[in-house]
Protein backbone atom coordinates (compact mmCIF):
# COMPACT_ATOMS: atom_id res chain seq x y z
CA MET A 1 31.36 43.22 58.40
CA LEU A 2 34.93 43.02 60.24
CA ILE A 3 35.84 46.91 58.41
CA TRP A 4 32.35 48.23 59.86
CA MET A 5 33.64 46.95 63.13
CA VAL A 6 37.19 48.33 62.74
CA LEU A 7 35.94 52.01 61.72
CA ALA A 8 33.30 51.83 64.98
CA ALA A 9 36.07 51.37 66.72
CA PHE A 10 38.54 53.84 65.82
CA PHE A 11 36.81 56.77 63.68
CA PRO A 12 34.32 58.07 66.76
CA CYS A 13 37.52 57.80 68.68
CA ILE A 14 39.59 60.16 65.78
CA LEU A 15 36.07 62.97 65.88
CA VAL A 16 35.99 63.84 69.14
CA VAL A 17 39.82 64.66 69.39
CA MET A 18 39.10 66.12 66.26
CA PHE A 19 36.59 68.76 67.19
CA SER A 20 37.49 68.65 70.75
CA PHE A 21 41.31 70.16 69.70
CA LEU A 22 39.62 72.65 66.86
CA THR A 23 36.64 73.85 69.42
CA ARG A 24 39.38 74.20 72.11
CA ASN A 25 36.32 72.05 74.45
CA LYS A 26 36.09 68.79 75.59
CA TRP A 27 32.86 68.78 76.03
CA VAL A 28 31.45 70.53 72.19
CA GLY A 29 33.61 67.65 70.57
CA THR A 30 32.39 64.91 72.22
CA ILE A 31 28.67 66.33 71.78
CA VAL A 32 29.29 67.16 68.29
CA ALA A 33 30.71 63.46 67.73
CA LEU A 34 27.84 61.58 69.81
CA ALA A 35 25.51 64.19 67.48
CA LEU A 36 27.06 62.97 64.51
CA ILE A 37 27.42 59.31 65.32
CA GLY A 38 23.62 59.51 66.81
CA GLY A 39 22.19 61.19 63.31
CA SER A 40 23.61 57.93 61.35
CA ILE A 41 22.10 55.77 64.04
CA TYR A 42 18.76 57.96 63.36
CA LYS A 43 18.51 57.64 59.26
CA GLY A 44 20.02 54.11 59.60
CA PHE A 45 23.42 53.20 58.38
CA PHE A 46 24.52 51.19 61.17
CA HIS A 47 24.00 47.41 60.39
CA SER A 48 23.85 45.22 63.88
CA GLN A 49 23.67 46.32 67.47
CA TRP A 50 27.58 45.43 68.26
CA ILE A 51 28.46 48.64 66.36
CA ILE A 52 26.34 50.88 68.35
CA PHE A 53 28.05 49.76 70.81
CA ILE A 54 31.78 49.87 69.59
CA ASP A 55 31.22 53.38 68.88
CA VAL A 56 29.97 54.51 72.38
CA ILE A 57 32.89 52.82 73.27
CA SER A 58 34.79 54.57 71.06
CA LEU A 59 33.22 58.42 71.85
CA LEU A 60 33.90 57.20 75.26
CA ALA A 61 38.08 56.84 74.57
CA GLY A 62 37.54 59.69 72.64
CA TYR A 63 36.77 61.17 75.65
CA VAL A 64 39.49 60.53 78.23
CA ILE A 65 42.62 60.62 75.40
CA VAL A 66 40.82 64.36 74.94
CA ASP A 67 41.80 65.01 78.74
CA THR A 68 44.37 62.82 79.05
CA LEU A 69 45.80 65.12 76.92
CA LYS A 70 44.85 68.34 77.84
CA TYR A 71 44.14 68.87 74.31
CA HIS A 72 40.40 71.06 75.57
CA ARG A 73 42.53 73.04 77.55
CA LYS A 74 43.60 77.08 76.44
CA LYS A 75 47.31 77.91 76.18
CA GLU A 76 47.91 80.67 79.40
CA ASP A 77 50.18 83.71 78.52
CA GLU A 78 52.78 83.29 80.37
């Protein structure tokens, strides 16, 4: 059970950062990661309510990281 909680703490955060970096849009990255996590919750791959709670916190942390580091902004020509 501990490995599931560790994965729930880091994996959604990494997904948000990765998808936001690839799409250059923090909202699209967050929504795609949320849809991926939501689909797996719908299919029943989660074992407890705590893991879902940790996933939501991790998604929010990923959003804050992307917003702070400004990965979502396009580079402007100088």
